[in-house]
Amino acid sequence: MSRLGAKALGFPTTIVHGMWSAARMLAAVENRVPPAYVYDIAFGKPVLLPSTVKFVAHDGPDGVWQLALRNAKKGTVLARASVGPAGAGSIS
């Protein structure tokens, strides 16, 4: 988002749009999930620019991936997500 748009929403500087972060996290595991899947994401804090982030993904035994986007310096969780087979029930 632009600096002006971010300021209007109360952020101190330009931020990465949450949907970009969500799409980028999903793209990192897209070739490892089935054609039909459920994706759930929760945002903790915005990604402020400039910054460096760390992406972590763990595959569970039930085929559900747990994803996290963290601030590389502080380790703060910026977003958490899970993605798994459709019809597998609730994932979190």
PDB file of N, CA and C in Angstrom:
ATOM      1  N   MET A   1       0.838  -1.173   0.000  1.00  0.00           N
ATOM      2  CA  MET A   1       0.000   0.000   0.000  1.00  0.00           C
ATOM      3  C   MET A   1       0.885   1.239   0.000  1.00  0.00           C
ATOM      4  N   SER A   2       0.373   2.293  -0.518  1.00  0.00           N
ATOM      5  CA  SER A   2       1.132   3.543  -0.556  1.00  0.00           C
ATOM      6  C   SER A   2       1.323   4.098   0.849  1.00  0.00           C
ATOM      7  N   ARG A   3       2.301   4.954   0.996  1.00  0.00           N
ATOM      8  CA  ARG A   3       2.559   5.582   2.292  1.00  0.00           C
ATOM      9  C   ARG A   3       1.335   6.365   2.750  1.00  0.00           C
ATOM     10  N   LEU A   4       0.707   7.090   1.831  1.00  0.00           N
ATOM     11  CA  LEU A   4      -0.468   7.882   2.168  1.00  0.00           C
ATOM     12  C   LEU A   4      -1.626   6.979   2.611  1.00  0.00           C
ATOM     13  N   GLY A   5      -1.844   5.888   1.869  1.00  0.00           N
ATOM     14  CA  GLY A   5      -2.908   4.944   2.226  1.00  0.00           C
ATOM     15  C   GLY A   5      -2.651   4.277   3.568  1.00  0.00           C
ATOM     16  N   ALA A   6      -1.405   3.913   3.809  1.00  0.00           N
ATOM     17  CA  ALA A   6      -1.049   3.280   5.078  1.00  0.00           C
ATOM     18  C   ALA A   6      -1.254   4.256   6.242  1.00  0.00           C
ATOM     19  N   LYS A   7      -0.849   5.488   6.054  1.00  0.00           N
ATOM     20  CA  LYS A   7      -1.021   6.513   7.100  1.00  0.00           C
ATOM     21  C   LYS A   7      -2.508   6.719   7.404  1.00  0.00           C
ATOM     22  N   ALA A   8      -3.333   6.739   6.357  1.00  0.00           N
ATOM     23  CA  ALA A   8      -4.774   6.931   6.541  1.00  0.00           C
ATOM     24  C   ALA A   8      -5.387   5.799   7.369  1.00  0.00           C
ATOM     25  N   LEU A   9      -4.784   4.620   7.311  1.00  0.00           N
ATOM     26  CA  LEU A   9      -5.278   3.473   8.076  1.00  0.00           C
ATOM     27  C   LEU A   9      -4.581   3.333   9.428  1.00  0.00           C
ATOM     28  N   GLY A  10      -3.698   4.292   9.756  1.00  0.00           N
ATOM     29  CA  GLY A  10      -3.069   4.302  11.062  1.00  0.00           C
ATOM     30  C   GLY A  10      -1.721   3.599  11.166  1.00  0.00           C
ATOM     31  N   PHE A  11      -1.140   3.217  10.039  1.00  0.00           N
ATOM     32  CA  PHE A  11       0.169   2.564  10.064  1.00  0.00           C
ATOM     33  C   PHE A  11       1.268   3.621   9.950  1.00  0.00           C
ATOM     34  N   PRO A  12       2.423   3.381  10.590  1.00  0.00           N
ATOM     35  CA  PRO A  12       3.475   4.394  10.600  1.00  0.00           C
ATOM     36  C   PRO A  12       4.203   4.589   9.274  1.00  0.00           C
ATOM     37  N   THR A  13       4.148   3.605   8.405  1.00  0.00           N
ATOM     38  CA  THR A  13       4.861   3.670   7.128  1.00  0.00           C
ATOM     39  C   THR A  13       4.160   2.763   6.114  1.00  0.00           C
ATOM     40  N   THR A  14       4.696   2.691   4.919  1.00  0.00           N
ATOM     41  CA  THR A  14       4.147   1.834   3.882  1.00  0.00           C
ATOM     42  C   THR A  14       4.117   0.385   4.358  1.00  0.00           C
ATOM     43  N   ILE A  15       3.048  -0.339   4.021  1.00  0.00           N
ATOM     44  CA  ILE A  15       2.923  -1.738   4.425  1.00  0.00           C
ATOM     45  C   ILE A  15       2.682  -2.624   3.197  1.00  0.00           C
ATOM     46  N   VAL A  16       2.987  -3.888   3.375  1.00  0.00           N
ATOM     47  CA  VAL A  16       2.657  -4.885   2.357  1.00  0.00           C
ATOM     48  C   VAL A  16       1.186  -5.257   2.579  1.00  0.00           C
ATOM     49  N   HIS A  17       0.386  -5.276   1.534  1.00  0.00           N
ATOM     50  CA  HIS A  17      -1.028  -5.642   1.674  1.00  0.00           C
ATOM     51  C   HIS A  17      -1.138  -7.069   2.185  1.00  0.00           C
ATOM     52  N   GLY A  18      -2.043  -7.305   3.108  1.00  0.00           N
ATOM     53  CA  GLY A  18      -2.228  -8.629   3.694  1.00  0.00           C
ATOM     54  C   GLY A  18      -2.547  -9.708   2.672  1.00  0.00           C
ATOM     55  N   MET A  19      -3.298  -9.373   1.648  1.00  0.00           N
ATOM     56  CA  MET A  19      -3.630 -10.382   0.647  1.00  0.00           C
ATOM     57  C   MET A  19      -2.413 -10.782  -0.180  1.00  0.00           C
ATOM     58  N   TRP A  20      -1.458  -9.861  -0.340  1.00  0.00           N
ATOM     59  CA  TRP A  20      -0.218 -10.239  -1.019  1.00  0.00           C
ATOM     60  C   TRP A  20       0.532 -11.235  -0.154  1.00  0.00           C
ATOM     61  N   SER A  21       0.633 -10.959   1.147  1.00  0.00           N
ATOM     62  CA  SER A  21       1.313 -11.884   2.061  1.00  0.00           C
ATOM     63  C   SER A  21       0.632 -13.248   2.044  1.00  0.00           C
ATOM     64  N   ALA A  22      -0.700 -13.255   2.091  1.00  0.00           N
ATOM     65  CA  ALA A  22      -1.455 -14.512   2.081  1.00  0.00           C
ATOM     66  C   ALA A  22      -1.195 -15.291   0.798  1.00  0.00           C
ATOM     67  N   ALA A  23      -1.226 -14.611  -0.330  1.00  0.00           N
ATOM     68  CA  ALA A  23      -1.005 -15.273  -1.615  1.00  0.00           C
ATOM     69  C   ALA A  23       0.425 -15.800  -1.728  1.00  0.00           C
ATOM     70  N   ARG A  24       1.387 -15.035  -1.232  1.00  0.00           N
ATOM     71  CA  ARG A  24       2.783 -15.462  -1.314  1.00  0.00           C
ATOM     72  C   ARG A  24       3.050 -16.679  -0.432  1.00  0.00           C
ATOM     73  N   MET A  25       2.446 -16.725   0.747  1.00  0.00           N
ATOM     74  CA  MET A  25       2.588 -17.879   1.636  1.00  0.00           C
ATOM     75  C   MET A  25       1.994 -19.128   0.977  1.00  0.00           C
ATOM     76  N   LEU A  26       0.822 -18.978   0.380  1.00  0.00           N
ATOM     77  CA  LEU A  26       0.175 -20.115  -0.281  1.00  0.00           C
ATOM     78  C   LEU A  26       0.978 -20.560  -1.496  1.00  0.00           C
ATOM     79  N   ALA A  27       1.526 -19.621  -2.243  1.00  0.00           N
ATOM     80  CA  ALA A  27       2.316 -19.964  -3.431  1.00  0.00           C
ATOM     81  C   ALA A  27       3.539 -20.802  -3.064  1.00  0.00           C
ATOM     82  N   ALA A  28       4.065 -20.611  -1.861  1.00  0.00           N
ATOM     83  CA  ALA A  28       5.257 -21.356  -1.446  1.00  0.00           C
ATOM     84  C   ALA A  28       4.988 -22.857  -1.291  1.00  0.00           C
ATOM     85  N   VAL A  29       3.735 -23.237  -1.071  1.00  0.00           N
ATOM     86  CA  VAL A  29       3.406 -24.664  -0.895  1.00  0.00           C
ATOM     87  C   VAL A  29       2.410 -25.171  -1.946  1.00  0.00           C
ATOM     88  N   GLU A  30       2.124 -24.363  -2.956  1.00  0.00           N
ATOM     89  CA  GLU A  30       1.068 -24.721  -3.906  1.00  0.00           C
ATOM     90  C   GLU A  30       1.286 -26.055  -4.617  1.00  0.00           C
ATOM     91  N   ASN A  31       2.523 -26.443  -4.859  1.00  0.00           N
ATOM     92  CA  ASN A  31       2.755 -27.715  -5.543  1.00  0.00           C
ATOM     93  C   ASN A  31       2.761 -28.890  -4.569  1.00  0.00           C
ATOM     94  N   ARG A  32       2.473 -28.639  -3.290  1.00  0.00           N
ATOM     95  CA  ARG A  32       2.461 -29.695  -2.274  1.00  0.00           C
ATOM     96  C   ARG A  32       1.065 -29.955  -1.709  1.00  0.00           C
ATOM     97  N   VAL A  33       0.084 -29.197  -2.146  1.00  0.00           N
ATOM     98  CA  VAL A  33      -1.279 -29.379  -1.651  1.00  0.00           C
ATOM     99  C   VAL A  33      -2.150 -29.965  -2.767  1.00  0.00           C
ATOM    100  N   PRO A  34      -3.240 -30.642  -2.402  1.00  0.00           N
ATOM    101  CA  PRO A  34      -4.114 -31.231  -3.422  1.00  0.00           C
ATOM    102  C   PRO A  34      -4.846 -30.146  -4.226  1.00  0.00           C
ATOM    103  N   PRO A  35      -5.441 -30.532  -5.354  1.00  0.00           N
ATOM    104  CA  PRO A  35      -6.156 -29.551  -6.185  1.00  0.00           C
ATOM    105  C   PRO A  35      -7.292 -28.839  -5.441  1.00  0.00           C
ATOM    106  N   ALA A  36      -7.943 -29.521  -4.510  1.00  0.00           N
ATOM    107  CA  ALA A  36      -9.007 -28.907  -3.702  1.00  0.00           C
ATOM    108  C   ALA A  36      -8.507 -28.816  -2.264  1.00  0.00           C
ATOM    109  N   TYR A  37      -8.463 -27.611  -1.737  1.00  0.00           N
ATOM    110  CA  TYR A  37      -7.931 -27.429  -0.389  1.00  0.00           C
ATOM    111  C   TYR A  37      -8.663 -26.317   0.343  1.00  0.00           C
ATOM    112  N   VAL A  38      -8.459 -26.271   1.644  1.00  0.00           N
ATOM    113  CA  VAL A  38      -9.004 -25.220   2.500  1.00  0.00           C
ATOM    114  C   VAL A  38      -7.823 -24.420   3.016  1.00  0.00           C
ATOM    115  N   TYR A  39      -7.942 -23.095   2.955  1.00  0.00           N
ATOM    116  CA  TYR A  39      -6.863 -22.201   3.389  1.00  0.00           C
ATOM    117  C   TYR A  39      -7.428 -21.257   4.439  1.00  0.00           C
ATOM    118  N   ASP A  40      -6.758 -21.179   5.574  1.00  0.00           N
ATOM    119  CA  ASP A  40      -7.198 -20.316   6.670  1.00  0.00           C
ATOM    120  C   ASP A  40      -6.008 -19.466   7.103  1.00  0.00           C
ATOM    121  N   ILE A  41      -6.212 -18.164   7.267  1.00  0.00           N
ATOM    122  CA  ILE A  41      -5.115 -17.280   7.649  1.00  0.00           C
ATOM    123  C   ILE A  41      -5.571 -16.290   8.711  1.00  0.00           C
ATOM    124  N   ALA A  42      -4.657 -15.979   9.620  1.00  0.00           N
ATOM    125  CA  ALA A  42      -4.900 -14.963  10.646  1.00  0.00           C
ATOM    126  C   ALA A  42      -3.699 -14.018  10.634  1.00  0.00           C
ATOM    127  N   PHE A  43      -3.984 -12.736  10.601  1.00  0.00           N
ATOM    128  CA  PHE A  43      -2.926 -11.732  10.574  1.00  0.00           C
ATOM    129  C   PHE A  43      -2.673 -11.217  11.981  1.00  0.00           C
ATOM    130  N   GLY A  44      -1.394 -11.128  12.343  1.00  0.00           N
ATOM    131  CA  GLY A  44      -1.031 -10.618  13.658  1.00  0.00           C
ATOM    132  C   GLY A  44      -0.634  -9.159  13.598  1.00  0.00           C
ATOM    133  N   LYS A  45       0.331  -8.849  12.752  1.00  0.00           N
ATOM    134  CA  LYS A  45       0.835  -7.485  12.595  1.00  0.00           C
ATOM    135  C   LYS A  45       1.133  -7.248  11.119  1.00  0.00           C
ATOM    136  N   PRO A  46       1.127  -5.995  10.691  1.00  0.00           N
ATOM    137  CA  PRO A  46       1.431  -5.709   9.293  1.00  0.00           C
ATOM    138  C   PRO A  46       2.921  -5.859   8.992  1.00  0.00           C
ATOM    139  N   VAL A  47       3.226  -6.109   7.732  1.00  0.00           N
ATOM    140  CA  VAL A  47       4.613  -6.125   7.269  1.00  0.00           C
ATOM    141  C   VAL A  47       4.943  -4.686   6.876  1.00  0.00           C
ATOM    142  N   LEU A  48       5.765  -4.042   7.696  1.00  0.00           N
ATOM    143  CA  LEU A  48       6.166  -2.662   7.429  1.00  0.00           C
ATOM    144  C   LEU A  48       7.336  -2.654   6.457  1.00  0.00           C
ATOM    145  N   LEU A  49       7.355  -1.690   5.554  1.00  0.00           N
ATOM    146  CA  LEU A  49       8.457  -1.570   4.603  1.00  0.00           C
ATOM    147  C   LEU A  49       9.373  -0.427   4.991  1.00  0.00           C
ATOM    148  N   PRO A  50      10.646  -0.568   4.918  1.00  0.00           N
ATOM    149  CA  PRO A  50      11.358  -1.775   4.507  1.00  0.00           C
ATOM    150  C   PRO A  50      11.500  -2.741   5.691  1.00  0.00           C
ATOM    151  N   SER A  51      11.513  -4.023   5.416  1.00  0.00           N
ATOM    152  CA  SER A  51      11.756  -5.035   6.441  1.00  0.00           C
ATOM    153  C   SER A  51      12.093  -6.354   5.760  1.00  0.00           C
ATOM    154  N   THR A  52      12.578  -7.282   6.562  1.00  0.00           N
ATOM    155  CA  THR A  52      12.877  -8.621   6.081  1.00  0.00           C
ATOM    156  C   THR A  52      12.011  -9.585   6.866  1.00  0.00           C
ATOM    157  N   VAL A  53      11.393 -10.532   6.166  1.00  0.00           N
ATOM    158  CA  VAL A  53      10.540 -11.510   6.822  1.00  0.00           C
ATOM    159  C   VAL A  53      11.089 -12.918   6.627  1.00  0.00           C
ATOM    160  N   LYS A  54      10.663 -13.805   7.497  1.00  0.00           N
ATOM    161  CA  LYS A  54      11.056 -15.209   7.431  1.00  0.00           C
ATOM    162  C   LYS A  54       9.783 -16.037   7.286  1.00  0.00           C
ATOM    163  N   PHE A  55       9.773 -16.942   6.316  1.00  0.00           N
ATOM    164  CA  PHE A  55       8.625 -17.820   6.080  1.00  0.00           C
ATOM    165  C   PHE A  55       8.972 -19.215   6.569  1.00  0.00           C
ATOM    166  N   VAL A  56       8.063 -19.826   7.327  1.00  0.00           N
ATOM    167  CA  VAL A  56       8.260 -21.174   7.853  1.00  0.00           C
ATOM    168  C   VAL A  56       7.042 -22.012   7.493  1.00  0.00           C
ATOM    169  N   ALA A  57       7.276 -23.240   7.024  1.00  0.00           N
ATOM    170  CA  ALA A  57       6.185 -24.158   6.679  1.00  0.00           C
ATOM    171  C   ALA A  57       6.489 -25.546   7.229  1.00  0.00           C
ATOM    172  N   HIS A  58       5.486 -26.153   7.869  1.00  0.00           N
ATOM    173  CA  HIS A  58       5.615 -27.508   8.396  1.00  0.00           C
ATOM    174  C   HIS A  58       4.444 -28.339   7.907  1.00  0.00           C
ATOM    175  N   ASP A  59       4.732 -29.519   7.382  1.00  0.00           N
ATOM    176  CA  ASP A  59       3.715 -30.446   6.904  1.00  0.00           C
ATOM    177  C   ASP A  59       3.348 -31.400   8.029  1.00  0.00           C
ATOM    178  N   GLY A  60       2.069 -31.449   8.377  1.00  0.00           N
ATOM    179  CA  GLY A  60       1.607 -32.362   9.419  1.00  0.00           C
ATOM    180  C   GLY A  60       1.280 -33.731   8.854  1.00  0.00           C
ATOM    181  N   PRO A  61       1.151 -34.731   9.717  1.00  0.00           N
ATOM    182  CA  PRO A  61       0.859 -36.091   9.267  1.00  0.00           C
ATOM    183  C   PRO A  61      -0.506 -36.219   8.589  1.00  0.00           C
ATOM    184  N   ASP A  62      -1.406 -35.298   8.877  1.00  0.00           N
ATOM    185  CA  ASP A  62      -2.740 -35.328   8.273  1.00  0.00           C
ATOM    186  C   ASP A  62      -2.802 -34.586   6.943  1.00  0.00           C
ATOM    187  N   GLY A  63      -1.646 -34.143   6.432  1.00  0.00           N
ATOM    188  CA  GLY A  63      -1.601 -33.433   5.156  1.00  0.00           C
ATOM    189  C   GLY A  63      -1.906 -31.954   5.265  1.00  0.00           C
ATOM    190  N   VAL A  64      -2.042 -31.451   6.487  1.00  0.00           N
ATOM    191  CA  VAL A  64      -2.312 -30.031   6.701  1.00  0.00           C
ATOM    192  C   VAL A  64      -0.993 -29.316   6.963  1.00  0.00           C
ATOM    193  N   TRP A  65      -0.729 -28.302   6.159  1.00  0.00           N
ATOM    194  CA  TRP A  65       0.479 -27.486   6.305  1.00  0.00           C
ATOM    195  C   TRP A  65       0.205 -26.353   7.275  1.00  0.00           C
ATOM    196  N   GLN A  66       1.147 -26.118   8.198  1.00  0.00           N
ATOM    197  CA  GLN A  66       1.103 -24.971   9.098  1.00  0.00           C
ATOM    198  C   GLN A  66       2.138 -23.972   8.586  1.00  0.00           C
ATOM    199  N   LEU A  67       1.701 -22.753   8.326  1.00  0.00           N
ATOM    200  CA  LEU A  67       2.555 -21.725   7.733  1.00  0.00           C
ATOM    201  C   LEU A  67       2.671 -20.536   8.693  1.00  0.00           C
ATOM    202  N   ALA A  68       3.820 -19.892   8.682  1.00  0.00           N
ATOM    203  CA  ALA A  68       4.005 -18.687   9.500  1.00  0.00           C
ATOM    204  C   ALA A  68       4.899 -17.701   8.769  1.00  0.00           C
ATOM    205  N   LEU A  69       4.573 -16.444   8.917  1.00  0.00           N
ATOM    206  CA  LEU A  69       5.391 -15.352   8.393  1.00  0.00           C
ATOM    207  C   LEU A  69       5.826 -14.544   9.606  1.00  0.00           C
ATOM    208  N   ARG A  70       7.151 -14.398   9.782  1.00  0.00           N
ATOM    209  CA  ARG A  70       7.698 -13.733  10.968  1.00  0.00           C
ATOM    210  C   ARG A  70       8.617 -12.589  10.580  1.00  0.00           C
ATOM    211  N   ASN A  71       8.729 -11.611  11.462  1.00  0.00           N
ATOM    212  CA  ASN A  71       9.734 -10.567  11.315  1.00  0.00           C
ATOM    213  C   ASN A  71      11.084 -11.231  11.523  1.00  0.00           C
ATOM    214  N   ALA A  72      11.994 -11.094  10.578  1.00  0.00           N
ATOM    215  CA  ALA A  72      13.270 -11.803  10.627  1.00  0.00           C
ATOM    216  C   ALA A  72      14.142 -11.372  11.803  1.00  0.00           C
ATOM    217  N   LYS A  73      14.063 -10.132  12.220  1.00  0.00           N
ATOM    218  CA  LYS A  73      14.913  -9.658  13.317  1.00  0.00           C
ATOM    219  C   LYS A  73      14.316  -9.967  14.689  1.00  0.00           C
ATOM    220  N   LYS A  74      13.048  -9.671  14.861  1.00  0.00           N
ATOM    221  CA  LYS A  74      12.409  -9.808  16.169  1.00  0.00           C
ATOM    222  C   LYS A  74      11.731 -11.162  16.377  1.00  0.00           C
ATOM    223  N   GLY A  75      11.401 -11.855  15.294  1.00  0.00           N
ATOM    224  CA  GLY A  75      10.694 -13.125  15.407  1.00  0.00           C
ATOM    225  C   GLY A  75       9.200 -12.972  15.621  1.00  0.00           C
ATOM    226  N   THR A  76       8.711 -11.750  15.608  1.00  0.00           N
ATOM    227  CA  THR A  76       7.288 -11.482  15.796  1.00  0.00           C
ATOM    228  C   THR A  76       6.466 -12.170  14.705  1.00  0.00           C
ATOM    229  N   VAL A  77       5.383 -12.830  15.097  1.00  0.00           N
ATOM    230  CA  VAL A  77       4.511 -13.486  14.118  1.00  0.00           C
ATOM    231  C   VAL A  77       3.665 -12.423  13.424  1.00  0.00           C
ATOM    232  N   LEU A  78       3.799 -12.342  12.122  1.00  0.00           N
ATOM    233  CA  LEU A  78       3.042 -11.382  11.327  1.00  0.00           C
ATOM    234  C   LEU A  78       1.763 -12.007  10.793  1.00  0.00           C
ATOM    235  N   ALA A  79       1.836 -13.302  10.440  1.00  0.00           N
ATOM    236  CA  ALA A  79       0.661 -14.037   9.951  1.00  0.00           C
ATOM    237  C   ALA A  79       0.874 -15.523  10.182  1.00  0.00           C
ATOM    238  N   ARG A  80      -0.227 -16.221  10.465  1.00  0.00           N
ATOM    239  CA  ARG A  80      -0.229 -17.683  10.576  1.00  0.00           C
ATOM    240  C   ARG A  80      -1.310 -18.201   9.648  1.00  0.00           C
ATOM    241  N   ALA A  81      -1.030 -19.341   9.037  1.00  0.00           N
ATOM    242  CA  ALA A  81      -2.010 -19.922   8.125  1.00  0.00           C
ATOM    243  C   ALA A  81      -1.930 -21.438   8.182  1.00  0.00           C
ATOM    244  N   SER A  82      -2.986 -22.074   7.719  1.00  0.00           N
ATOM    245  CA  SER A  82      -2.980 -23.513   7.543  1.00  0.00           C
ATOM    246  C   SER A  82      -3.659 -23.812   6.226  1.00  0.00           C
ATOM    247  N   VAL A  83      -3.182 -24.832   5.560  1.00  0.00           N
ATOM    248  CA  VAL A  83      -3.765 -25.249   4.283  1.00  0.00           C
ATOM    249  C   VAL A  83      -3.742 -26.772   4.240  1.00  0.00           C
ATOM    250  N   GLY A  84      -4.898 -27.328   3.898  1.00  0.00           N
ATOM    251  CA  GLY A  84      -5.004 -28.788   3.856  1.00  0.00           C
ATOM    252  C   GLY A  84      -6.121 -29.234   2.941  1.00  0.00           C
ATOM    253  N   PRO A  85      -6.272 -30.551   2.809  1.00  0.00           N
ATOM    254  CA  PRO A  85      -7.278 -31.109   1.902  1.00  0.00           C
ATOM    255  C   PRO A  85      -8.687 -30.631   2.217  1.00  0.00           C
ATOM    256  N   ALA A  86      -9.457 -30.311   1.194  1.00  0.00           N
ATOM    257  CA  ALA A  86     -10.855 -29.928   1.365  1.00  0.00           C
ATOM    258  C   ALA A  86     -11.619 -31.133   1.915  1.00  0.00           C
ATOM    259  N   GLY A  87     -12.558 -30.858   2.798  1.00  0.00           N
ATOM    260  CA  GLY A  87     -13.353 -31.933   3.361  1.00  0.00           C
ATOM    261  C   GLY A  87     -12.697 -32.629   4.535  1.00  0.00           C
ATOM    262  N   ALA A  88     -11.506 -32.166   4.941  1.00  0.00           N
ATOM    263  CA  ALA A  88     -10.794 -32.795   6.044  1.00  0.00           C
ATOM    264  C   ALA A  88     -11.285 -32.256   7.393  1.00  0.00           C
ATOM    265  N   GLY A  89     -12.295 -31.410   7.367  1.00  0.00           N
ATOM    266  CA  GLY A  89     -12.782 -30.823   8.605  1.00  0.00           C
ATOM    267  C   GLY A  89     -12.125 -29.490   8.876  1.00  0.00           C
ATOM    268  N   SER A  90     -12.287 -29.013  10.070  1.00  0.00           N
ATOM    269  CA  SER A  90     -11.731 -27.716  10.451  1.00  0.00           C
ATOM    270  C   SER A  90     -10.224 -27.820  10.626  1.00  0.00           C
ATOM    271  N   ILE A  91      -9.513 -26.837  10.104  1.00  0.00           N
ATOM    272  CA  ILE A  91      -8.057 -26.789  10.280  1.00  0.00           C
ATOM    273  C   ILE A  91      -7.716 -25.521  11.029  1.00  0.00           C
ATOM    274  N   SER A  92      -6.686 -25.583  11.858  1.00  0.00           N
ATOM    275  CA  SER A  92      -6.273 -24.373  12.586  1.00  0.00           C
ATOM    276  C   SER A  92      -4.827 -24.479  13.000  1.00  0.00           C
TER     277      SER A  92
END
